[in-house]
Amino acid sequence: MSTGGQVGNGARVLVVSGDDFLSEAIVHALRNDNHVAERTASWRSAERLLPDLRPQLLVIDAESEGVDARPVVDRVRIVTDVPLVVLSPSAELEDRLVALRAGADEVMAKPFVLSELACKVTALTRRNGYASPVIELGDLVIDEAAHTVKRQGTTVELTAIEFALLATFSRHRSQVLSKTQLLTMVWGFDDHKVNLVEVHVSALRRKLEAAGPRIIHTVRGAGYALRPVEAPEAGARPAREQAPGRGRCDARHDRAFRPLRRRSLALT
């Protein structure tokens, strides 16, 4: 979704990597830079998520796809033209140039610095005029860029996973999402025990219901649905979007990511 203007932080970013440690580290760095980052394990699963998540930028680990950067770019450009950052196992200049000529917006060779990746994502999204929305759903206000939630004017403190869950529900308001769908959309898992979803939905409900009536409902045998209630003063209002404030590149992640030396990466 393009909103125009000179905004670059807070974009929706989908990270595609079969390396859980790498993808978690990237998501952590991007969220600290106020981006709305989610992850999935493969391009195959990413393709299924694109229509619902509508990412504004993709970060894809070519090595986890078992190919060089160029084939990854070709696959992506068949289905979407959003800005693309490819993480390449090759440090050769010619390999990077080939991927750039094929349509990648940025190619970063491993090992790379997380804060540099976050800054490049911010620059690319700013250049393309993308921003994450502030969404108002009845008495609920979700600022994806600032990672804040308010209900009836009261701030609701959420963990990163709880916020990702709520943001996912908000993009599918009134739709029923199965536990399996939520596993893929929020955690990037194609196969995992669904009680992981149950535990986090329960925690999210408790926090939201401390400020108002239930809005995340269980649909027996099907999943969950977000059904907003009217705001107490203005009545029901349609969801509207506003450009968020500016963010920053977080220098706390200035360490090279080295897959074979995982302890060198600090997740702060």
C-alpha atoms as a PDB file:
ATOM      1  CA  MET A   1       0.000   0.000   0.000  1.00  0.00           C
ATOM      2  CA  SER A   2       1.570   3.253  -1.111  1.00  0.00           C
ATOM      3  CA  THR A   3       0.642   6.292   0.946  1.00  0.00           C
ATOM      4  CA  GLY A   4       3.018   8.798  -0.641  1.00  0.00           C
ATOM      5  CA  GLY A   5       5.204  11.316   1.144  1.00  0.00           C
ATOM      6  CA  GLN A   6       8.670  10.999   2.539  1.00  0.00           C
ATOM      7  CA  VAL A   7       8.182   8.146   4.943  1.00  0.00           C
ATOM      8  CA  GLY A   8      10.368   5.069   5.200  1.00  0.00           C
ATOM      9  CA  ASN A   9      10.011   3.513   8.649  1.00  0.00           C
ATOM     10  CA  GLY A  10       7.227   1.208   9.687  1.00  0.00           C
ATOM     11  CA  ALA A  11       6.836  -0.671   6.414  1.00  0.00           C
ATOM     12  CA  ARG A  12       5.476  -4.211   6.313  1.00  0.00           C
ATOM     13  CA  VAL A  13       8.443  -6.494   5.651  1.00  0.00           C
ATOM     14  CA  LEU A  14       8.337 -10.235   4.997  1.00  0.00           C
ATOM     15  CA  VAL A  15      11.570 -12.107   5.756  1.00  0.00           C
ATOM     16  CA  VAL A  16      12.001 -15.397   3.904  1.00  0.00           C
ATOM     17  CA  SER A  17      14.607 -17.806   5.267  1.00  0.00           C
ATOM     18  CA  GLY A  18      14.779 -21.433   6.277  1.00  0.00           C
ATOM     19  CA  ASP A  19      17.370 -20.515   8.905  1.00  0.00           C
ATOM     20  CA  ASP A  20      15.306 -19.813  12.034  1.00  0.00           C
ATOM     21  CA  PHE A  21      18.179 -18.118  13.838  1.00  0.00           C
ATOM     22  CA  LEU A  22      18.883 -15.789  10.930  1.00  0.00           C
ATOM     23  CA  SER A  23      15.247 -14.886  10.259  1.00  0.00           C
ATOM     24  CA  GLU A  24      14.542 -14.280  13.955  1.00  0.00           C
ATOM     25  CA  ALA A  25      17.586 -12.004  14.188  1.00  0.00           C
ATOM     26  CA  ILE A  26      16.506 -10.002  11.133  1.00  0.00           C
ATOM     27  CA  VAL A  27      12.922  -9.661  12.363  1.00  0.00           C
ATOM     28  CA  HIS A  28      14.186  -8.531  15.760  1.00  0.00           C
ATOM     29  CA  ALA A  29      16.409  -5.854  14.183  1.00  0.00           C
ATOM     30  CA  LEU A  30      13.666  -4.621  11.842  1.00  0.00           C
ATOM     31  CA  ARG A  31      11.071  -4.412  14.611  1.00  0.00           C
ATOM     32  CA  ASN A  32      13.527  -2.423  16.722  1.00  0.00           C
ATOM     33  CA  ASP A  33      13.706  -0.042  13.775  1.00  0.00           C
ATOM     34  CA  ASN A  34       9.887   0.282  13.887  1.00  0.00           C
ATOM     35  CA  HIS A  35       9.203  -1.914  10.874  1.00  0.00           C
ATOM     36  CA  VAL A  36       6.373  -4.422  10.957  1.00  0.00           C
ATOM     37  CA  ALA A  37       8.339  -7.571  10.202  1.00  0.00           C
ATOM     38  CA  GLU A  38       7.097 -11.108   9.823  1.00  0.00           C
ATOM     39  CA  ARG A  39       8.888 -14.238   8.691  1.00  0.00           C
ATOM     40  CA  THR A  40       8.284 -17.471   6.834  1.00  0.00           C
ATOM     41  CA  ALA A  41      10.494 -20.418   6.013  1.00  0.00           C
ATOM     42  CA  SER A  42      10.415 -20.589   2.203  1.00  0.00           C
ATOM     43  CA  TRP A  43       9.460 -18.703  -0.938  1.00  0.00           C
ATOM     44  CA  ARG A  44       6.773 -21.330  -1.519  1.00  0.00           C
ATOM     45  CA  SER A  45       5.064 -20.416   1.759  1.00  0.00           C
ATOM     46  CA  ALA A  46       5.716 -16.710   1.110  1.00  0.00           C
ATOM     47  CA  GLU A  47       3.771 -16.872  -2.150  1.00  0.00           C
ATOM     48  CA  ARG A  48       0.721 -18.128  -0.254  1.00  0.00           C
ATOM     49  CA  LEU A  49       1.018 -15.260   2.235  1.00  0.00           C
ATOM     50  CA  LEU A  50       1.473 -12.385  -0.227  1.00  0.00           C
ATOM     51  CA  PRO A  51      -2.237 -11.686  -0.921  1.00  0.00           C
ATOM     52  CA  ASP A  52      -3.048 -11.402   2.799  1.00  0.00           C
ATOM     53  CA  LEU A  53       0.101  -9.835   4.234  1.00  0.00           C
ATOM     54  CA  ARG A  54       0.645  -7.412   1.348  1.00  0.00           C
ATOM     55  CA  PRO A  55       4.312  -6.851   2.284  1.00  0.00           C
ATOM     56  CA  GLN A  56       5.874  -3.618   1.138  1.00  0.00           C
ATOM     57  CA  LEU A  57       9.349  -5.121   1.013  1.00  0.00           C
ATOM     58  CA  LEU A  58      10.828  -8.624   0.865  1.00  0.00           C
ATOM     59  CA  VAL A  59      14.080  -9.875   2.394  1.00  0.00           C
ATOM     60  CA  ILE A  60      14.991 -13.295   0.984  1.00  0.00           C
ATOM     61  CA  ASP A  61      17.829 -15.598   1.979  1.00  0.00           C
ATOM     62  CA  ALA A  62      18.983 -17.147  -1.301  1.00  0.00           C
ATOM     63  CA  GLU A  63      21.105 -19.744   0.463  1.00  0.00           C
ATOM     64  CA  SER A  64      18.117 -21.255   2.269  1.00  0.00           C
ATOM     65  CA  GLU A  65      16.381 -21.600  -1.110  1.00  0.00           C
ATOM     66  CA  GLY A  66      19.310 -23.700  -2.305  1.00  0.00           C
ATOM     67  CA  VAL A  67      20.051 -21.428  -5.258  1.00  0.00           C
ATOM     68  CA  ASP A  68      22.091 -18.369  -6.190  1.00  0.00           C
ATOM     69  CA  ALA A  69      20.663 -14.877  -5.976  1.00  0.00           C
ATOM     70  CA  ARG A  70      19.634 -14.617  -9.649  1.00  0.00           C
ATOM     71  CA  PRO A  71      17.060 -17.492  -9.632  1.00  0.00           C
ATOM     72  CA  VAL A  72      15.536 -16.058  -6.435  1.00  0.00           C
ATOM     73  CA  VAL A  73      15.043 -12.686  -8.120  1.00  0.00           C
ATOM     74  CA  ASP A  74      13.470 -14.342 -11.165  1.00  0.00           C
ATOM     75  CA  ARG A  75      10.956 -16.228  -8.983  1.00  0.00           C
ATOM     76  CA  VAL A  76       9.976 -13.133  -7.044  1.00  0.00           C
ATOM     77  CA  ARG A  77       9.612 -10.843 -10.031  1.00  0.00           C
ATOM     78  CA  ILE A  78       7.131 -13.240 -11.641  1.00  0.00           C
ATOM     79  CA  VAL A  79       4.595 -12.470  -8.918  1.00  0.00           C
ATOM     80  CA  THR A  80       5.470  -9.086  -7.355  1.00  0.00           C
ATOM     81  CA  ASP A  81       7.428  -5.895  -7.965  1.00  0.00           C
ATOM     82  CA  VAL A  82       7.822  -4.777  -4.325  1.00  0.00           C
ATOM     83  CA  PRO A  83      11.335  -3.752  -3.256  1.00  0.00           C
ATOM     84  CA  LEU A  84      13.536  -6.825  -2.827  1.00  0.00           C
ATOM     85  CA  VAL A  85      16.645  -7.375  -0.706  1.00  0.00           C
ATOM     86  CA  VAL A  86      18.488 -10.619  -1.419  1.00  0.00           C
ATOM     87  CA  LEU A  87      20.909 -12.160   1.077  1.00  0.00           C
ATOM     88  CA  SER A  88      23.515 -13.942  -1.005  1.00  0.00           C
ATOM     89  CA  PRO A  89      25.969 -16.670   0.004  1.00  0.00           C
ATOM     90  CA  SER A  90      28.368 -15.275  -2.589  1.00  0.00           C
ATOM     91  CA  ALA A  91      30.588 -12.262  -1.990  1.00  0.00           C
ATOM     92  CA  GLU A  92      31.586 -12.116  -5.657  1.00  0.00           C
ATOM     93  CA  LEU A  93      30.848  -8.766  -7.270  1.00  0.00           C
ATOM     94  CA  GLU A  94      29.695 -10.337 -10.514  1.00  0.00           C
ATOM     95  CA  ASP A  95      27.078 -12.470  -8.719  1.00  0.00           C
ATOM     96  CA  ARG A  96      25.665  -9.382  -7.032  1.00  0.00           C
ATOM     97  CA  LEU A  97      25.602  -7.444 -10.287  1.00  0.00           C
ATOM     98  CA  VAL A  98      23.723 -10.257 -12.034  1.00  0.00           C
ATOM     99  CA  ALA A  99      21.035 -10.222  -9.325  1.00  0.00           C
ATOM    100  CA  LEU A 100      20.749  -6.438  -9.448  1.00  0.00           C
ATOM    101  CA  ARG A 101      20.373  -6.477 -13.219  1.00  0.00           C
ATOM    102  CA  ALA A 102      17.653  -9.143 -12.846  1.00  0.00           C
ATOM    103  CA  GLY A 103      15.576  -6.844 -10.643  1.00  0.00           C
ATOM    104  CA  ALA A 104      16.843  -6.994  -7.051  1.00  0.00           C
ATOM    105  CA  ASP A 105      16.928  -3.626  -5.300  1.00  0.00           C
ATOM    106  CA  GLU A 106      19.750  -4.637  -2.976  1.00  0.00           C
ATOM    107  CA  VAL A 107      22.051  -7.656  -2.649  1.00  0.00           C
ATOM    108  CA  MET A 108      23.919  -8.214   0.614  1.00  0.00           C
ATOM    109  CA  ALA A 109      26.588 -10.871   0.893  1.00  0.00           C
ATOM    110  CA  LYS A 110      26.934 -12.972   4.027  1.00  0.00           C
ATOM    111  CA  PRO A 111      28.198 -12.213   6.599  1.00  0.00           C
ATOM    112  CA  PHE A 112      26.382  -8.900   6.921  1.00  0.00           C
ATOM    113  CA  VAL A 113      25.669  -6.330   9.617  1.00  0.00           C
ATOM    114  CA  LEU A 114      22.096  -6.303  10.916  1.00  0.00           C
ATOM    115  CA  SER A 115      21.932  -2.546  11.435  1.00  0.00           C
ATOM    116  CA  GLU A 116      23.115  -1.992   7.853  1.00  0.00           C
ATOM    117  CA  LEU A 117      20.327  -4.258   6.603  1.00  0.00           C
ATOM    118  CA  ALA A 118      17.767  -2.353   8.704  1.00  0.00           C
ATOM    119  CA  CYS A 119      19.012   0.990   7.335  1.00  0.00           C
ATOM    120  CA  LYS A 120      18.853  -0.261   3.748  1.00  0.00           C
ATOM    121  CA  VAL A 121      15.286  -1.474   4.315  1.00  0.00           C
ATOM    122  CA  THR A 122      14.369   1.964   5.700  1.00  0.00           C
ATOM    123  CA  ALA A 123      16.005   3.725   2.749  1.00  0.00           C
ATOM    124  CA  LEU A 124      14.251   1.507   0.200  1.00  0.00           C
ATOM    125  CA  THR A 125      10.825   1.957   1.764  1.00  0.00           C
ATOM    126  CA  ARG A 126      11.331   5.719   2.089  1.00  0.00           C
ATOM    127  CA  ARG A 127      12.383   5.899  -1.544  1.00  0.00           C
ATOM    128  CA  ASN A 128       9.239   4.039  -2.571  1.00  0.00           C
ATOM    129  CA  GLY A 129       6.941   6.123  -0.366  1.00  0.00           C
ATOM    130  CA  TYR A 130       5.690   3.301   1.828  1.00  0.00           C
ATOM    131  CA  ALA A 131       4.429   3.576   5.385  1.00  0.00           C
ATOM    132  CA  SER A 132       2.565   1.372   7.788  1.00  0.00           C
ATOM    133  CA  PRO A 133      -0.874   2.608   8.815  1.00  0.00           C
ATOM    134  CA  VAL A 134      -2.413   3.730  12.038  1.00  0.00           C
ATOM    135  CA  ILE A 135      -5.558   1.612  12.092  1.00  0.00           C
ATOM    136  CA  GLU A 136      -8.690   2.572  14.020  1.00  0.00           C
ATOM    137  CA  LEU A 137     -11.190  -0.206  14.589  1.00  0.00           C
ATOM    138  CA  GLY A 138     -13.978   1.014  16.827  1.00  0.00           C
ATOM    139  CA  ASP A 139     -12.413   1.624  20.252  1.00  0.00           C
ATOM    140  CA  LEU A 140      -9.109   0.051  19.193  1.00  0.00           C
ATOM    141  CA  VAL A 141      -6.185   2.064  17.738  1.00  0.00           C
ATOM    142  CA  ILE A 142      -3.162   0.184  16.365  1.00  0.00           C
ATOM    143  CA  ASP A 143      -0.056   2.090  15.285  1.00  0.00           C
ATOM    144  CA  GLU A 144       2.033  -0.450  13.400  1.00  0.00           C
ATOM    145  CA  ALA A 145       5.001   1.869  13.007  1.00  0.00           C
ATOM    146  CA  ALA A 146       5.236   2.850  16.669  1.00  0.00           C
ATOM    147  CA  HIS A 147       4.224  -0.659  17.805  1.00  0.00           C
ATOM    148  CA  THR A 148       1.588   0.766  20.134  1.00  0.00           C
ATOM    149  CA  VAL A 149      -1.994  -0.210  20.895  1.00  0.00           C
ATOM    150  CA  LYS A 150      -4.679   1.854  22.623  1.00  0.00           C
ATOM    151  CA  ARG A 151      -8.157   0.826  23.636  1.00  0.00           C
ATOM    152  CA  GLN A 152     -10.659   3.446  24.755  1.00  0.00           C
ATOM    153  CA  GLY A 153      -7.670   5.756  25.134  1.00  0.00           C
ATOM    154  CA  THR A 154      -5.781   3.348  27.413  1.00  0.00           C
ATOM    155  CA  THR A 155      -2.398   2.032  26.285  1.00  0.00           C
ATOM    156  CA  VAL A 156      -2.262  -1.753  26.082  1.00  0.00           C
ATOM    157  CA  GLU A 157       1.220  -3.162  26.619  1.00  0.00           C
ATOM    158  CA  LEU A 158       1.856  -6.121  24.297  1.00  0.00           C
ATOM    159  CA  THR A 159       4.792  -8.396  23.584  1.00  0.00           C
ATOM    160  CA  ALA A 160       6.169  -8.538  20.037  1.00  0.00           C
ATOM    161  CA  ILE A 161       4.284 -11.768  19.311  1.00  0.00           C
ATOM    162  CA  GLU A 162       1.019 -10.432  20.776  1.00  0.00           C
ATOM    163  CA  PHE A 163       1.357  -7.277  18.676  1.00  0.00           C
ATOM    164  CA  ALA A 164       2.020  -9.345  15.533  1.00  0.00           C
ATOM    165  CA  LEU A 165      -1.084 -11.422  16.310  1.00  0.00           C
ATOM    166  CA  LEU A 166      -3.249  -8.339  16.770  1.00  0.00           C
ATOM    167  CA  ALA A 167      -1.868  -6.697  13.617  1.00  0.00           C
ATOM    168  CA  THR A 168      -2.672  -9.874  11.690  1.00  0.00           C
ATOM    169  CA  PHE A 169      -6.232  -9.944  13.041  1.00  0.00           C
ATOM    170  CA  SER A 170      -6.647  -6.245  12.180  1.00  0.00           C
ATOM    171  CA  ARG A 171      -5.681  -6.869   8.552  1.00  0.00           C
ATOM    172  CA  HIS A 172      -8.333  -9.602   8.446  1.00  0.00           C
ATOM    173  CA  ARG A 173     -11.007  -7.971  10.576  1.00  0.00           C
ATOM    174  CA  SER A 174     -14.209 -10.016  10.875  1.00  0.00           C
ATOM    175  CA  GLN A 175     -12.582 -12.884   8.972  1.00  0.00           C
ATOM    176  CA  VAL A 176     -12.112 -16.250  10.637  1.00  0.00           C
ATOM    177  CA  LEU A 177      -8.438 -17.257  10.796  1.00  0.00           C
ATOM    178  CA  SER A 178      -7.572 -20.838  11.655  1.00  0.00           C
ATOM    179  CA  LYS A 179      -4.826 -21.686  14.127  1.00  0.00           C
ATOM    180  CA  THR A 180      -2.795 -23.153  11.278  1.00  0.00           C
ATOM    181  CA  GLN A 181      -3.135 -19.922   9.283  1.00  0.00           C
ATOM    182  CA  LEU A 182      -1.991 -17.899  12.279  1.00  0.00           C
ATOM    183  CA  LEU A 183       1.022 -20.169  12.771  1.00  0.00           C
ATOM    184  CA  THR A 184       2.110 -19.388   9.215  1.00  0.00           C
ATOM    185  CA  MET A 185       1.264 -15.683   9.236  1.00  0.00           C
ATOM    186  CA  VAL A 186       2.742 -14.784  12.624  1.00  0.00           C
ATOM    187  CA  TRP A 187       5.457 -17.339  13.333  1.00  0.00           C
ATOM    188  CA  GLY A 188       6.300 -18.460   9.797  1.00  0.00           C
ATOM    189  CA  PHE A 189       5.749 -22.101  10.730  1.00  0.00           C
ATOM    190  CA  ASP A 190       4.195 -24.498   8.254  1.00  0.00           C
ATOM    191  CA  ASP A 191       4.024 -27.291  10.819  1.00  0.00           C
ATOM    192  CA  HIS A 192       3.858 -26.766  14.587  1.00  0.00           C
ATOM    193  CA  LYS A 193       1.626 -27.514  17.542  1.00  0.00           C
ATOM    194  CA  VAL A 194      -1.391 -25.194  17.509  1.00  0.00           C
ATOM    195  CA  ASN A 195      -1.357 -24.791  21.283  1.00  0.00           C
ATOM    196  CA  LEU A 196       1.329 -22.153  20.656  1.00  0.00           C
ATOM    197  CA  VAL A 197      -1.410 -20.036  19.057  1.00  0.00           C
ATOM    198  CA  GLU A 198      -3.894 -20.789  21.831  1.00  0.00           C
ATOM    199  CA  VAL A 199      -1.509 -19.623  24.556  1.00  0.00           C
ATOM    200  CA  HIS A 200      -0.695 -16.299  22.868  1.00  0.00           C
ATOM    201  CA  VAL A 201      -4.287 -15.560  21.819  1.00  0.00           C
ATOM    202  CA  SER A 202      -5.368 -16.143  25.415  1.00  0.00           C
ATOM    203  CA  ALA A 203      -2.717 -13.704  26.699  1.00  0.00           C
ATOM    204  CA  LEU A 204      -3.675 -11.117  24.073  1.00  0.00           C
ATOM    205  CA  ARG A 205      -7.335 -11.396  25.013  1.00  0.00           C
ATOM    206  CA  ARG A 206      -6.633 -10.852  28.701  1.00  0.00           C
ATOM    207  CA  LYS A 207      -4.759  -7.625  27.992  1.00  0.00           C
ATOM    208  CA  LEU A 208      -7.336  -6.261  25.545  1.00  0.00           C
ATOM    209  CA  GLU A 209     -10.267  -7.178  27.798  1.00  0.00           C
ATOM    210  CA  ALA A 210      -8.736  -5.273  30.698  1.00  0.00           C
ATOM    211  CA  ALA A 211      -9.751  -2.136  28.772  1.00  0.00           C
ATOM    212  CA  GLY A 212     -13.027  -3.249  27.182  1.00  0.00           C
ATOM    213  CA  PRO A 213     -15.284  -6.118  26.094  1.00  0.00           C
ATOM    214  CA  ARG A 214     -14.124  -9.147  24.127  1.00  0.00           C
ATOM    215  CA  ILE A 215     -13.243  -8.472  20.491  1.00  0.00           C
ATOM    216  CA  ILE A 216     -11.260 -11.609  19.567  1.00  0.00           C
ATOM    217  CA  HIS A 217     -13.864 -14.345  19.366  1.00  0.00           C
ATOM    218  CA  THR A 218     -13.492 -18.111  19.071  1.00  0.00           C
ATOM    219  CA  VAL A 219     -15.336 -19.666  16.161  1.00  0.00           C
ATOM    220  CA  ARG A 220     -15.754 -23.256  17.248  1.00  0.00           C
ATOM    221  CA  GLY A 221     -14.021 -25.702  14.941  1.00  0.00           C
ATOM    222  CA  ALA A 222     -12.734 -22.923  12.674  1.00  0.00           C
ATOM    223  CA  GLY A 223     -10.424 -20.506  14.528  1.00  0.00           C
ATOM    224  CA  TYR A 224     -10.617 -16.885  15.702  1.00  0.00           C
ATOM    225  CA  ALA A 225     -12.088 -13.635  14.408  1.00  0.00           C
ATOM    226  CA  LEU A 226     -11.580  -9.985  15.374  1.00  0.00           C
ATOM    227  CA  ARG A 227     -14.934  -8.204  15.677  1.00  0.00           C
ATOM    228  CA  PRO A 228     -14.453  -4.583  16.777  1.00  0.00           C
ATOM    229  CA  VAL A 229     -16.911  -2.810  19.067  1.00  0.00           C
ATOM    230  CA  GLU A 230     -18.031   0.776  18.730  1.00  0.00           C
ATOM    231  CA  ALA A 231     -15.857   3.518  20.138  1.00  0.00           C
ATOM    232  CA  PRO A 232     -17.595   4.976  23.208  1.00  0.00           C
ATOM    233  CA  GLU A 233     -17.637   8.610  22.028  1.00  0.00           C
ATOM    234  CA  ALA A 234     -17.663   8.728  18.258  1.00  0.00           C
ATOM    235  CA  GLY A 235     -19.531   5.499  17.561  1.00  0.00           C
ATOM    236  CA  ALA A 236     -18.426   2.959  15.006  1.00  0.00           C
ATOM    237  CA  ARG A 237     -15.904   4.334  12.572  1.00  0.00           C
ATOM    238  CA  PRO A 238     -14.413   2.744   9.468  1.00  0.00           C
ATOM    239  CA  ALA A 239     -10.736   1.837   9.621  1.00  0.00           C
ATOM    240  CA  ARG A 240      -8.628   4.731   8.418  1.00  0.00           C
ATOM    241  CA  GLU A 241      -4.940   5.044   7.830  1.00  0.00           C
ATOM    242  CA  GLN A 242      -2.495   7.808   8.648  1.00  0.00           C
ATOM    243  CA  ALA A 243       1.199   8.158   8.014  1.00  0.00           C
ATOM    244  CA  PRO A 244       3.213   7.414  11.165  1.00  0.00           C
ATOM    245  CA  GLY A 245       6.143   9.379  12.537  1.00  0.00           C
ATOM    246  CA  ARG A 246       9.740   8.926  11.517  1.00  0.00           C
ATOM    247  CA  GLY A 247      11.933   6.146  12.854  1.00  0.00           C
ATOM    248  CA  ARG A 248      15.633   5.466  13.041  1.00  0.00           C
ATOM    249  CA  CYS A 249      18.183   2.839  12.127  1.00  0.00           C
ATOM    250  CA  ASP A 250      19.112   1.011  15.298  1.00  0.00           C
ATOM    251  CA  ALA A 251      22.870   0.831  15.778  1.00  0.00           C
ATOM    252  CA  ARG A 252      22.477  -1.646  18.629  1.00  0.00           C
ATOM    253  CA  HIS A 253      22.754  -4.454  16.079  1.00  0.00           C
ATOM    254  CA  ASP A 254      26.160  -3.426  14.672  1.00  0.00           C
ATOM    255  CA  ARG A 255      27.553  -6.927  14.584  1.00  0.00           C
ATOM    256  CA  ALA A 256      28.153  -9.056  11.556  1.00  0.00           C
ATOM    257  CA  PHE A 257      25.849 -12.027  11.268  1.00  0.00           C
ATOM    258  CA  ARG A 258      28.002 -15.122  10.899  1.00  0.00           C
ATOM    259  CA  PRO A 259      25.976 -18.341  10.605  1.00  0.00           C
ATOM    260  CA  LEU A 260      28.827 -20.495  11.934  1.00  0.00           C
ATOM    261  CA  ARG A 261      29.469 -18.235  14.965  1.00  0.00           C
ATOM    262  CA  ARG A 262      25.988 -17.642  16.286  1.00  0.00           C
ATOM    263  CA  ARG A 263      27.097 -16.449  19.699  1.00  0.00           C
ATOM    264  CA  SER A 264      28.596 -13.349  18.100  1.00  0.00           C
ATOM    265  CA  LEU A 265      25.098 -11.936  17.502  1.00  0.00           C
ATOM    266  CA  ALA A 266      23.512  -9.998  20.329  1.00  0.00           C
ATOM    267  CA  LEU A 267      19.719  -9.812  20.206  1.00  0.00           C
ATOM    268  CA  THR A 268      18.987  -6.745  22.296  1.00  0.00           C
END
